[in-house]
């Protein structure tokens, strides 16, 4: 649609498309005000657009929701160009309008779908959180009674096989409880119900504690575990429990995937106001095609079902959720048969240092 009108809004030219939209002839439109029938809420922004035109900035865009020829709602975008005389006074506006109804409807449909997807995701998280709590009650009973059986609390069971079965029941119960706890963690974070108490923490001390906690597990698996820290460590403004959980999940995952006589290194650095925690292993590595999926819940990087049983597939998903909750970034680099390096980059509280 093309139209021209004087500075007071009187139309001086309209094309056929403009006439068809308004359902009138050129004779009925030319000489009449272009503002006729416009809603007050549309007139105000249009007047402001006109007032801010200048010879240096003659063009402006104007969006409007209008009523089409059949009474339907349509959306239009108008390009308005002001024409000036030699003194800089506006003498005319030239307008080109386009119907963008399909685009607006598509945008609204996308937004509605996103809202619905978010609602469904929230419902899923709340369901998982509720079900995880429900699972814990019978699991605790299974663990408690199987512990009594394998310790033969009330006397001998009568057969060594019974003790072995009790051990299997207890181990399976512990594995399932770990899975339930992981699902509960994921659900709580996604539902926004995981409370974070951020404070200035000594990251080096957190890493030392995690290193001590995993030394035995690494040794039992024939893995050399190293910790490298800078001489000076800046304090990190974060939730201490969450950072500990991030590091422990990364170490646990790395130990499971690193063969005997392998190496596992943990380090940190502070650069440009950011803290990076690095965990590097010399394990089996991850295929390039699977790297994007390893942070998805229940993702497994190995096809061997016996190896898959070692983990729940939620460790990296929890790490990713916790890192994002701290406005951080998780990056993974891996080469098959060489190893994997995980980088967790977090904002560092500026201008604070802790002597080691």
Foldseek 3Di string as FASTA:
>chain_A
DKWKDWPVQATQDDDPVVCQFVVHDPVVRHRDGPCPPPDPVQVVVVVVVVVPAWPVRFKDKGKDWDQGPVRDIWIKIKIWGFDADPVGDTTMIIIDMDTPRVVVVVVVVVVVVVVVVLVVLLVVLVVLLVVLVVVVVVLVVQLVVLVCQLVVVVHDPPDVVSNVVSVVSNVVSVQVNVLSVLSNLLSCLSNVNDDADWDFDQVVVLVVVLCVVCVVVCVVQQEAEEEDEDQWDFTAGTRSVLVSLLVNLLVLVQSLFAHHNKYWYWYWDDDDQKIKIKIKIQGQWADPVCQVPLLPFQDDRDPPVVSSSSDRSSSSVSSQSSLVVQVWDWDKDIDGNGIIMIMIMHGGDPPGIDGD
